[in-house]
Amino acid sequence: MLAKSEFFLSSQYVKNKNAFPYITERYSETAVAIEGVIEAGVQCGEFRPQLQSAVTARFLISFMNGLMLDTYQLGHEATRVKEQLAALMFSMEQMLRPIHELGL
């Protein structure tokens, strides 16, 4: 993780992103997978989302990437990982509105 984060934050990567498609491919594939899960939940009546699945997927990816990087650099006590994950769960419930949360 350290080597990858250092490399992808380095000026070598930033100046020549096309030569290293890993980050773009990882991001795209993860977003598509999360969107698929959300859409499947909508189709079976499990979710009533407030936002487009693409927006929610990218929010989740950005949150997790940021939390991982910050926690690696600062430690779990500084980033309050448990509290952050609780906030994430709250946010996801608000965005996806799962049927069990609506009391239906």
PDB file of N, CA and C in Angstrom:
ATOM      1  N   MET A   1       0.828  -1.186   0.000  1.00  0.00           N
ATOM      2  CA  MET A   1       0.000   0.000   0.000  1.00  0.00           C
ATOM      3  C   MET A   1       0.877   1.258   0.000  1.00  0.00           C
ATOM      4  N   LEU A   2       1.889   1.260   0.840  1.00  0.00           N
ATOM      5  CA  LEU A   2       2.770   2.433   0.921  1.00  0.00           C
ATOM      6  C   LEU A   2       3.429   2.701  -0.423  1.00  0.00           C
ATOM      7  N   ALA A   3       3.988   1.666  -1.027  1.00  0.00           N
ATOM      8  CA  ALA A   3       4.675   1.860  -2.306  1.00  0.00           C
ATOM      9  C   ALA A   3       3.711   2.363  -3.369  1.00  0.00           C
ATOM     10  N   LYS A   4       2.512   1.791  -3.438  1.00  0.00           N
ATOM     11  CA  LYS A   4       1.540   2.225  -4.437  1.00  0.00           C
ATOM     12  C   LYS A   4       1.104   3.664  -4.188  1.00  0.00           C
ATOM     13  N   SER A   5       0.801   4.009  -2.936  1.00  0.00           N
ATOM     14  CA  SER A   5       0.339   5.376  -2.677  1.00  0.00           C
ATOM     15  C   SER A   5       1.443   6.380  -2.945  1.00  0.00           C
ATOM     16  N   GLU A   6       2.678   6.050  -2.582  1.00  0.00           N
ATOM     17  CA  GLU A   6       3.785   6.960  -2.860  1.00  0.00           C
ATOM     18  C   GLU A   6       3.971   7.145  -4.363  1.00  0.00           C
ATOM     19  N   PHE A   7       3.898   6.045  -5.110  1.00  0.00           N
ATOM     20  CA  PHE A   7       4.081   6.144  -6.554  1.00  0.00           C
ATOM     21  C   PHE A   7       2.988   6.981  -7.193  1.00  0.00           C
ATOM     22  N   PHE A   8       1.732   6.712  -6.862  1.00  0.00           N
ATOM     23  CA  PHE A   8       0.637   7.396  -7.526  1.00  0.00           C
ATOM     24  C   PHE A   8       0.461   8.844  -7.055  1.00  0.00           C
ATOM     25  N   LEU A   9       1.131   9.212  -5.994  1.00  0.00           N
ATOM     26  CA  LEU A   9       1.145  10.608  -5.575  1.00  0.00           C
ATOM     27  C   LEU A   9       2.399  11.325  -6.072  1.00  0.00           C
ATOM     28  N   SER A  10       3.307  10.582  -6.671  1.00  0.00           N
ATOM     29  CA  SER A  10       4.566  11.167  -7.120  1.00  0.00           C
ATOM     30  C   SER A  10       4.375  12.006  -8.382  1.00  0.00           C
ATOM     31  N   SER A  11       5.341  12.874  -8.624  1.00  0.00           N
ATOM     32  CA  SER A  11       5.279  13.712  -9.822  1.00  0.00           C
ATOM     33  C   SER A  11       5.481  12.880 -11.088  1.00  0.00           C
ATOM     34  N   GLN A  12       6.202  11.754 -10.989  1.00  0.00           N
ATOM     35  CA  GLN A  12       6.409  10.896 -12.159  1.00  0.00           C
ATOM     36  C   GLN A  12       5.064  10.386 -12.670  1.00  0.00           C
ATOM     37  N   TYR A  13       4.208   9.944 -11.785  1.00  0.00           N
ATOM     38  CA  TYR A  13       2.889   9.450 -12.198  1.00  0.00           C
ATOM     39  C   TYR A  13       2.015  10.584 -12.703  1.00  0.00           C
ATOM     40  N   VAL A  14       1.979  11.676 -11.984  1.00  0.00           N
ATOM     41  CA  VAL A  14       1.115  12.806 -12.344  1.00  0.00           C
ATOM     42  C   VAL A  14       1.453  13.328 -13.733  1.00  0.00           C
ATOM     43  N   LYS A  15       2.726  13.363 -14.081  1.00  0.00           N
ATOM     44  CA  LYS A  15       3.148  13.875 -15.379  1.00  0.00           C
ATOM     45  C   LYS A  15       2.934  12.882 -16.521  1.00  0.00           C
ATOM     46  N   ASN A  16       2.719  11.596 -16.204  1.00  0.00           N
ATOM     47  CA  ASN A  16       2.627  10.589 -17.256  1.00  0.00           C
ATOM     48  C   ASN A  16       1.571   9.530 -16.904  1.00  0.00           C
ATOM     49  N   LYS A  17       0.365   9.957 -16.602  1.00  0.00           N
ATOM     50  CA  LYS A  17      -0.703   9.054 -16.178  1.00  0.00           C
ATOM     51  C   LYS A  17      -1.047   8.002 -17.219  1.00  0.00           C
ATOM     52  N   ASN A  18      -0.973   8.342 -18.486  1.00  0.00           N
ATOM     53  CA  ASN A  18      -1.339   7.400 -19.545  1.00  0.00           C
ATOM     54  C   ASN A  18      -0.457   6.161 -19.575  1.00  0.00           C
ATOM     55  N   ALA A  19       0.761   6.278 -19.093  1.00  0.00           N
ATOM     56  CA  ALA A  19       1.673   5.141 -19.095  1.00  0.00           C
ATOM     57  C   ALA A  19       1.371   4.170 -17.948  1.00  0.00           C
ATOM     58  N   PHE A  20       0.531   4.574 -17.017  1.00  0.00           N
ATOM     59  CA  PHE A  20       0.210   3.755 -15.854  1.00  0.00           C
ATOM     60  C   PHE A  20      -1.303   3.726 -15.648  1.00  0.00           C
ATOM     61  N   PRO A  21      -2.017   2.902 -16.401  1.00  0.00           N
ATOM     62  CA  PRO A  21      -3.484   2.918 -16.370  1.00  0.00           C
ATOM     63  C   PRO A  21      -4.098   2.265 -15.126  1.00  0.00           C
ATOM     64  N   TYR A  22      -3.312   1.747 -14.214  1.00  0.00           N
ATOM     65  CA  TYR A  22      -3.831   1.012 -13.064  1.00  0.00           C
ATOM     66  C   TYR A  22      -4.893   1.782 -12.284  1.00  0.00           C
ATOM     67  N   ILE A  23      -4.595   3.011 -11.921  1.00  0.00           N
ATOM     68  CA  ILE A  23      -5.525   3.793 -11.100  1.00  0.00           C
ATOM     69  C   ILE A  23      -6.834   4.028 -11.838  1.00  0.00           C
ATOM     70  N   THR A  24      -6.760   4.419 -13.084  1.00  0.00           N
ATOM     71  CA  THR A  24      -7.966   4.680 -13.871  1.00  0.00           C
ATOM     72  C   THR A  24      -8.798   3.418 -14.023  1.00  0.00           C
ATOM     73  N   GLU A  25      -8.146   2.312 -14.348  1.00  0.00           N
ATOM     74  CA  GLU A  25      -8.864   1.050 -14.518  1.00  0.00           C
ATOM     75  C   GLU A  25      -9.480   0.582 -13.203  1.00  0.00           C
ATOM     76  N   ARG A  26      -8.725   0.677 -12.124  1.00  0.00           N
ATOM     77  CA  ARG A  26      -9.219   0.268 -10.811  1.00  0.00           C
ATOM     78  C   ARG A  26     -10.445   1.101 -10.425  1.00  0.00           C
ATOM     79  N   TYR A  27     -10.347   2.393 -10.617  1.00  0.00           N
ATOM     80  CA  TYR A  27     -11.440   3.290 -10.276  1.00  0.00           C
ATOM     81  C   TYR A  27     -12.680   2.966 -11.106  1.00  0.00           C
ATOM     82  N   SER A  28     -12.505   2.842 -12.413  1.00  0.00           N
ATOM     83  CA  SER A  28     -13.631   2.571 -13.306  1.00  0.00           C
ATOM     84  C   SER A  28     -14.293   1.238 -12.994  1.00  0.00           C
ATOM     85  N   GLU A  29     -13.497   0.203 -12.826  1.00  0.00           N
ATOM     86  CA  GLU A  29     -14.040  -1.128 -12.546  1.00  0.00           C
ATOM     87  C   GLU A  29     -14.766  -1.159 -11.199  1.00  0.00           C
ATOM     88  N   THR A  30     -14.208  -0.494 -10.217  1.00  0.00           N
ATOM     89  CA  THR A  30     -14.853  -0.447  -8.902  1.00  0.00           C
ATOM     90  C   THR A  30     -16.163   0.319  -8.980  1.00  0.00           C
ATOM     91  N   ALA A  31     -16.165   1.445  -9.681  1.00  0.00           N
ATOM     92  CA  ALA A  31     -17.390   2.241  -9.827  1.00  0.00           C
ATOM     93  C   ALA A  31     -18.483   1.440 -10.521  1.00  0.00           C
ATOM     94  N   VAL A  32     -18.129   0.750 -11.584  1.00  0.00           N
ATOM     95  CA  VAL A  32     -19.113  -0.059 -12.314  1.00  0.00           C
ATOM     96  C   VAL A  32     -19.670  -1.158 -11.407  1.00  0.00           C
ATOM     97  N   ALA A  33     -18.812  -1.792 -10.629  1.00  0.00           N
ATOM     98  CA  ALA A  33     -19.267  -2.860  -9.729  1.00  0.00           C
ATOM     99  C   ALA A  33     -20.223  -2.320  -8.670  1.00  0.00           C
ATOM    100  N   ILE A  34     -19.891  -1.197  -8.074  1.00  0.00           N
ATOM    101  CA  ILE A  34     -20.759  -0.608  -7.042  1.00  0.00           C
ATOM    102  C   ILE A  34     -22.077  -0.152  -7.657  1.00  0.00           C
ATOM    103  N   GLU A  35     -22.005   0.483  -8.820  1.00  0.00           N
ATOM    104  CA  GLU A  35     -23.237   0.887  -9.512  1.00  0.00           C
ATOM    105  C   GLU A  35     -24.127  -0.323  -9.770  1.00  0.00           C
ATOM    106  N   GLY A  36     -23.524  -1.437 -10.154  1.00  0.00           N
ATOM    107  CA  GLY A  36     -24.288  -2.658 -10.407  1.00  0.00           C
ATOM    108  C   GLY A  36     -25.007  -3.156  -9.167  1.00  0.00           C
ATOM    109  N   VAL A  37     -24.346  -3.099  -8.042  1.00  0.00           N
ATOM    110  CA  VAL A  37     -24.968  -3.513  -6.781  1.00  0.00           C
ATOM    111  C   VAL A  37     -26.133  -2.592  -6.437  1.00  0.00           C
ATOM    112  N   ILE A  38     -25.922  -1.309  -6.599  1.00  0.00           N
ATOM    113  CA  ILE A  38     -26.991  -0.347  -6.303  1.00  0.00           C
ATOM    114  C   ILE A  38     -28.171  -0.565  -7.242  1.00  0.00           C
ATOM    115  N   GLU A  39     -27.899  -0.709  -8.530  1.00  0.00           N
ATOM    116  CA  GLU A  39     -28.973  -0.917  -9.501  1.00  0.00           C
ATOM    117  C   GLU A  39     -29.727  -2.220  -9.230  1.00  0.00           C
ATOM    118  N   ALA A  40     -29.003  -3.251  -8.839  1.00  0.00           N
ATOM    119  CA  ALA A  40     -29.664  -4.523  -8.491  1.00  0.00           C
ATOM    120  C   ALA A  40     -30.576  -4.327  -7.287  1.00  0.00           C
ATOM    121  N   GLY A  41     -30.121  -3.540  -6.318  1.00  0.00           N
ATOM    122  CA  GLY A  41     -30.952  -3.235  -5.153  1.00  0.00           C
ATOM    123  C   GLY A  41     -32.196  -2.454  -5.520  1.00  0.00           C
ATOM    124  N   VAL A  42     -32.076  -1.549  -6.473  1.00  0.00           N
ATOM    125  CA  VAL A  42     -33.223  -0.779  -6.955  1.00  0.00           C
ATOM    126  C   VAL A  42     -34.198  -1.715  -7.676  1.00  0.00           C
ATOM    127  N   GLN A  43     -33.667  -2.570  -8.544  1.00  0.00           N
ATOM    128  CA  GLN A  43     -34.509  -3.472  -9.328  1.00  0.00           C
ATOM    129  C   GLN A  43     -35.313  -4.425  -8.447  1.00  0.00           C
ATOM    130  N   CYS A  44     -34.736  -4.879  -7.368  1.00  0.00           N
ATOM    131  CA  CYS A  44     -35.468  -5.806  -6.497  1.00  0.00           C
ATOM    132  C   CYS A  44     -36.245  -5.072  -5.407  1.00  0.00           C
ATOM    133  N   GLY A  45     -36.263  -3.753  -5.468  1.00  0.00           N
ATOM    134  CA  GLY A  45     -37.051  -2.976  -4.523  1.00  0.00           C
ATOM    135  C   GLY A  45     -36.421  -2.783  -3.164  1.00  0.00           C
ATOM    136  N   GLU A  46     -35.131  -3.059  -3.060  1.00  0.00           N
ATOM    137  CA  GLU A  46     -34.440  -2.928  -1.785  1.00  0.00           C
ATOM    138  C   GLU A  46     -33.998  -1.496  -1.494  1.00  0.00           C
ATOM    139  N   PHE A  47     -33.655  -0.743  -2.538  1.00  0.00           N
ATOM    140  CA  PHE A  47     -33.194   0.634  -2.390  1.00  0.00           C
ATOM    141  C   PHE A  47     -34.136   1.599  -3.087  1.00  0.00           C
ATOM    142  N   ARG A  48     -34.222   2.796  -2.499  1.00  0.00           N
ATOM    143  CA  ARG A  48     -34.921   3.916  -3.125  1.00  0.00           C
ATOM    144  C   ARG A  48     -33.964   5.105  -3.089  1.00  0.00           C
ATOM    145  N   PRO A  49     -32.981   5.107  -3.978  1.00  0.00           N
ATOM    146  CA  PRO A  49     -31.883   6.078  -3.898  1.00  0.00           C
ATOM    147  C   PRO A  49     -32.312   7.521  -4.130  1.00  0.00           C
ATOM    148  N   GLN A  50     -31.590   8.405  -3.470  1.00  0.00           N
ATOM    149  CA  GLN A  50     -31.786   9.841  -3.611  1.00  0.00           C
ATOM    150  C   GLN A  50     -30.902  10.428  -4.702  1.00  0.00           C
ATOM    151  N   LEU A  51     -29.841   9.724  -5.040  1.00  0.00           N
ATOM    152  CA  LEU A  51     -28.870  10.190  -6.039  1.00  0.00           C
ATOM    153  C   LEU A  51     -28.695   9.110  -7.094  1.00  0.00           C
ATOM    154  N   GLN A  52     -28.137   9.496  -8.210  1.00  0.00           N
ATOM    155  CA  GLN A  52     -27.821   8.517  -9.248  1.00  0.00           C
ATOM    156  C   GLN A  52     -26.795   7.520  -8.702  1.00  0.00           C
ATOM    157  N   SER A  53     -26.891   6.278  -9.155  1.00  0.00           N
ATOM    158  CA  SER A  53     -25.973   5.248  -8.663  1.00  0.00           C
ATOM    159  C   SER A  53     -24.518   5.608  -8.962  1.00  0.00           C
ATOM    160  N   ALA A  54     -24.268   6.279 -10.084  1.00  0.00           N
ATOM    161  CA  ALA A  54     -22.896   6.676 -10.427  1.00  0.00           C
ATOM    162  C   ALA A  54     -22.335   7.664  -9.407  1.00  0.00           C
ATOM    163  N   VAL A  55     -23.153   8.568  -8.932  1.00  0.00           N
ATOM    164  CA  VAL A  55     -22.712   9.556  -7.940  1.00  0.00           C
ATOM    165  C   VAL A  55     -22.420   8.872  -6.615  1.00  0.00           C
ATOM    166  N   THR A  56     -23.314   8.002  -6.181  1.00  0.00           N
ATOM    167  CA  THR A  56     -23.134   7.299  -4.917  1.00  0.00           C
ATOM    168  C   THR A  56     -21.908   6.400  -4.973  1.00  0.00           C
ATOM    169  N   ALA A  57     -21.698   5.715  -6.077  1.00  0.00           N
ATOM    170  CA  ALA A  57     -20.534   4.837  -6.220  1.00  0.00           C
ATOM    171  C   ALA A  57     -19.242   5.630  -6.087  1.00  0.00           C
ATOM    172  N   ARG A  58     -19.175   6.752  -6.750  1.00  0.00           N
ATOM    173  CA  ARG A  58     -17.955   7.557  -6.709  1.00  0.00           C
ATOM    174  C   ARG A  58     -17.744   8.215  -5.347  1.00  0.00           C
ATOM    175  N   PHE A  59     -18.820   8.566  -4.678  1.00  0.00           N
ATOM    176  CA  PHE A  59     -18.714   9.075  -3.305  1.00  0.00           C
ATOM    177  C   PHE A  59     -18.083   8.009  -2.413  1.00  0.00           C
ATOM    178  N   LEU A  60     -18.582   6.787  -2.522  1.00  0.00           N
ATOM    179  CA  LEU A  60     -18.074   5.699  -1.692  1.00  0.00           C
ATOM    180  C   LEU A  60     -16.601   5.436  -1.968  1.00  0.00           C
ATOM    181  N   ILE A  61     -16.221   5.399  -3.230  1.00  0.00           N
ATOM    182  CA  ILE A  61     -14.815   5.177  -3.583  1.00  0.00           C
ATOM    183  C   ILE A  61     -13.939   6.294  -3.015  1.00  0.00           C
ATOM    184  N   SER A  62     -14.343   7.532  -3.205  1.00  0.00           N
ATOM    185  CA  SER A  62     -13.544   8.659  -2.717  1.00  0.00           C
ATOM    186  C   SER A  62     -13.425   8.646  -1.204  1.00  0.00           C
ATOM    187  N   PHE A  63     -14.512   8.321  -0.540  1.00  0.00           N
ATOM    188  CA  PHE A  63     -14.483   8.256   0.926  1.00  0.00           C
ATOM    189  C   PHE A  63     -13.491   7.190   1.383  1.00  0.00           C
ATOM    190  N   MET A  64     -13.613   5.989   0.830  1.00  0.00           N
ATOM    191  CA  MET A  64     -12.749   4.886   1.267  1.00  0.00           C
ATOM    192  C   MET A  64     -11.286   5.152   0.917  1.00  0.00           C
ATOM    193  N   ASN A  65     -11.022   5.658  -0.286  1.00  0.00           N
ATOM    194  CA  ASN A  65      -9.641   5.977  -0.653  1.00  0.00           C
ATOM    195  C   ASN A  65      -9.048   7.022   0.283  1.00  0.00           C
ATOM    196  N   GLY A  66      -9.821   8.057   0.567  1.00  0.00           N
ATOM    197  CA  GLY A  66      -9.346   9.107   1.460  1.00  0.00           C
ATOM    198  C   GLY A  66      -9.114   8.598   2.871  1.00  0.00           C
ATOM    199  N   LEU A  67     -10.039   7.806   3.372  1.00  0.00           N
ATOM    200  CA  LEU A  67      -9.891   7.280   4.726  1.00  0.00           C
ATOM    201  C   LEU A  67      -8.680   6.346   4.818  1.00  0.00           C
ATOM    202  N   MET A  68      -8.491   5.513   3.807  1.00  0.00           N
ATOM    203  CA  MET A  68      -7.327   4.611   3.822  1.00  0.00           C
ATOM    204  C   MET A  68      -6.024   5.395   3.806  1.00  0.00           C
ATOM    205  N   LEU A  69      -5.934   6.380   2.935  1.00  0.00           N
ATOM    206  CA  LEU A  69      -4.699   7.157   2.826  1.00  0.00           C
ATOM    207  C   LEU A  69      -4.436   7.946   4.106  1.00  0.00           C
ATOM    208  N   ASP A  70      -5.453   8.627   4.613  1.00  0.00           N
ATOM    209  CA  ASP A  70      -5.286   9.397   5.851  1.00  0.00           C
ATOM    210  C   ASP A  70      -4.925   8.497   7.026  1.00  0.00           C
ATOM    211  N   THR A  71      -5.585   7.353   7.126  1.00  0.00           N
ATOM    212  CA  THR A  71      -5.321   6.449   8.243  1.00  0.00           C
ATOM    213  C   THR A  71      -3.917   5.880   8.153  1.00  0.00           C
ATOM    214  N   TYR A  72      -3.485   5.580   6.941  1.00  0.00           N
ATOM    215  CA  TYR A  72      -2.119   5.089   6.790  1.00  0.00           C
ATOM    216  C   TYR A  72      -1.116   6.151   7.239  1.00  0.00           C
ATOM    217  N   GLN A  73      -1.361   7.390   6.880  1.00  0.00           N
ATOM    218  CA  GLN A  73      -0.417   8.468   7.196  1.00  0.00           C
ATOM    219  C   GLN A  73      -0.522   8.936   8.643  1.00  0.00           C
ATOM    220  N   LEU A  74      -1.741   8.970   9.186  1.00  0.00           N
ATOM    221  CA  LEU A  74      -1.954   9.583  10.493  1.00  0.00           C
ATOM    222  C   LEU A  74      -2.269   8.600  11.614  1.00  0.00           C
ATOM    223  N   GLY A  75      -2.721   7.409  11.261  1.00  0.00           N
ATOM    224  CA  GLY A  75      -3.095   6.421  12.260  1.00  0.00           C
ATOM    225  C   GLY A  75      -4.595   6.434  12.524  1.00  0.00           C
ATOM    226  N   HIS A  76      -5.095   5.284  13.000  1.00  0.00           N
ATOM    227  CA  HIS A  76      -6.546   5.138  13.178  1.00  0.00           C
ATOM    228  C   HIS A  76      -7.115   6.002  14.298  1.00  0.00           C
ATOM    229  N   GLU A  77      -6.307   6.331  15.273  1.00  0.00           N
ATOM    230  CA  GLU A  77      -6.812   7.187  16.345  1.00  0.00           C
ATOM    231  C   GLU A  77      -7.051   8.605  15.849  1.00  0.00           C
ATOM    232  N   ALA A  78      -6.138   9.127  15.055  1.00  0.00           N
ATOM    233  CA  ALA A  78      -6.286  10.489  14.530  1.00  0.00           C
ATOM    234  C   ALA A  78      -7.462  10.591  13.568  1.00  0.00           C
ATOM    235  N   THR A  79      -7.645   9.571  12.745  1.00  0.00           N
ATOM    236  CA  THR A  79      -8.725   9.633  11.759  1.00  0.00           C
ATOM    237  C   THR A  79     -10.053   9.131  12.312  1.00  0.00           C
ATOM    238  N   ARG A  80     -10.012   8.540  13.514  1.00  0.00           N
ATOM    239  CA  ARG A  80     -11.241   8.042  14.155  1.00  0.00           C
ATOM    240  C   ARG A  80     -12.024   7.136  13.200  1.00  0.00           C
ATOM    241  N   VAL A  81     -11.366   6.070  12.796  1.00  0.00           N
ATOM    242  CA  VAL A  81     -11.907   5.173  11.779  1.00  0.00           C
ATOM    243  C   VAL A  81     -13.310   4.690  12.137  1.00  0.00           C
ATOM    244  N   LYS A  82     -13.528   4.242  13.363  1.00  0.00           N
ATOM    245  CA  LYS A  82     -14.854   3.733  13.744  1.00  0.00           C
ATOM    246  C   LYS A  82     -15.936   4.793  13.557  1.00  0.00           C
ATOM    247  N   GLU A  83     -15.651   6.014  13.993  1.00  0.00           N
ATOM    248  CA  GLU A  83     -16.630   7.084  13.851  1.00  0.00           C
ATOM    249  C   GLU A  83     -16.852   7.438  12.381  1.00  0.00           C
ATOM    250  N   GLN A  84     -15.769   7.422  11.602  1.00  0.00           N
ATOM    251  CA  GLN A  84     -15.882   7.724  10.168  1.00  0.00           C
ATOM    252  C   GLN A  84     -16.724   6.670   9.457  1.00  0.00           C
ATOM    253  N   LEU A  85     -16.523   5.392   9.818  1.00  0.00           N
ATOM    254  CA  LEU A  85     -17.319   4.335   9.192  1.00  0.00           C
ATOM    255  C   LEU A  85     -18.787   4.429   9.617  1.00  0.00           C
ATOM    256  N   ALA A  86     -19.030   4.843  10.848  1.00  0.00           N
ATOM    257  CA  ALA A  86     -20.417   5.061  11.274  1.00  0.00           C
ATOM    258  C   ALA A  86     -21.047   6.197  10.469  1.00  0.00           C
ATOM    259  N   ALA A  87     -20.277   7.253  10.230  1.00  0.00           N
ATOM    260  CA  ALA A  87     -20.772   8.368   9.415  1.00  0.00           C
ATOM    261  C   ALA A  87     -21.022   7.915   7.983  1.00  0.00           C
ATOM    262  N   LEU A  88     -20.150   7.050   7.471  1.00  0.00           N
ATOM    263  CA  LEU A  88     -20.347   6.512   6.128  1.00  0.00           C
ATOM    264  C   LEU A  88     -21.645   5.707   6.060  1.00  0.00           C
ATOM    265  N   MET A  89     -21.879   4.868   7.034  1.00  0.00           N
ATOM    266  CA  MET A  89     -23.109   4.060   7.043  1.00  0.00           C
ATOM    267  C   MET A  89     -24.336   4.965   7.093  1.00  0.00           C
ATOM    268  N   PHE A  90     -24.282   6.001   7.909  1.00  0.00           N
ATOM    269  CA  PHE A  90     -25.387   6.958   7.982  1.00  0.00           C
ATOM    270  C   PHE A  90     -25.610   7.611   6.619  1.00  0.00           C
ATOM    271  N   SER A  91     -24.525   8.049   5.998  1.00  0.00           N
ATOM    272  CA  SER A  91     -24.610   8.708   4.691  1.00  0.00           C
ATOM    273  C   SER A  91     -25.167   7.767   3.631  1.00  0.00           C
ATOM    274  N   MET A  92     -24.688   6.530   3.627  1.00  0.00           N
ATOM    275  CA  MET A  92     -25.163   5.567   2.632  1.00  0.00           C
ATOM    276  C   MET A  92     -26.652   5.267   2.830  1.00  0.00           C
ATOM    277  N   GLU A  93     -27.089   5.181   4.064  1.00  0.00           N
ATOM    278  CA  GLU A  93     -28.519   4.966   4.323  1.00  0.00           C
ATOM    279  C   GLU A  93     -29.353   6.125   3.802  1.00  0.00           C
ATOM    280  N   GLN A  94     -28.847   7.338   3.967  1.00  0.00           N
ATOM    281  CA  GLN A  94     -29.572   8.508   3.476  1.00  0.00           C
ATOM    282  C   GLN A  94     -29.601   8.543   1.952  1.00  0.00           C
ATOM    283  N   MET A  95     -28.511   8.117   1.328  1.00  0.00           N
ATOM    284  CA  MET A  95     -28.438   8.137  -0.128  1.00  0.00           C
ATOM    285  C   MET A  95     -29.234   6.998  -0.766  1.00  0.00           C
ATOM    286  N   LEU A  96     -29.172   5.816  -0.166  1.00  0.00           N
ATOM    287  CA  LEU A  96     -29.804   4.640  -0.770  1.00  0.00           C
ATOM    288  C   LEU A  96     -31.227   4.385  -0.273  1.00  0.00           C
ATOM    289  N   ARG A  97     -31.535   4.898   0.889  1.00  0.00           N
ATOM    290  CA  ARG A  97     -32.849   4.690   1.507  1.00  0.00           C
ATOM    291  C   ARG A  97     -33.301   3.234   1.425  1.00  0.00           C
ATOM    292  N   PRO A  98     -32.581   2.343   2.113  1.00  0.00           N
ATOM    293  CA  PRO A  98     -32.985   0.936   2.087  1.00  0.00           C
ATOM    294  C   PRO A  98     -34.382   0.781   2.681  1.00  0.00           C
ATOM    295  N   ILE A  99     -35.135  -0.156   2.156  1.00  0.00           N
ATOM    296  CA  ILE A  99     -36.523  -0.349   2.553  1.00  0.00           C
ATOM    297  C   ILE A  99     -36.650  -0.578   4.057  1.00  0.00           C
ATOM    298  N   HIS A 100     -35.751  -1.345   4.655  1.00  0.00           N
ATOM    299  CA  HIS A 100     -35.856  -1.582   6.099  1.00  0.00           C
ATOM    300  C   HIS A 100     -35.771  -0.295   6.904  1.00  0.00           C
ATOM    301  N   GLU A 101     -35.051   0.698   6.410  1.00  0.00           N
ATOM    302  CA  GLU A 101     -34.946   1.981   7.095  1.00  0.00           C
ATOM    303  C   GLU A 101     -36.228   2.805   6.988  1.00  0.00           C
ATOM    304  N   LEU A 102     -37.020   2.539   5.972  1.00  0.00           N
ATOM    305  CA  LEU A 102     -38.255   3.295   5.764  1.00  0.00           C
ATOM    306  C   LEU A 102     -39.422   2.684   6.538  1.00  0.00           C
ATOM    307  N   GLY A 103     -39.166   1.534   7.150  1.00  0.00           N
ATOM    308  CA  GLY A 103     -40.230   0.878   7.882  1.00  0.00           C
ATOM    309  C   GLY A 103     -41.278   0.244   6.980  1.00  0.00           C
ATOM    310  N   LEU A 104     -40.908  -0.044   5.740  1.00  0.00           N
ATOM    311  CA  LEU A 104     -41.839  -0.651   4.791  1.00  0.00           C
ATOM    312  C   LEU A 104     -41.733  -2.152   4.819  1.00  0.00           C
TER     313      LEU A 104
END
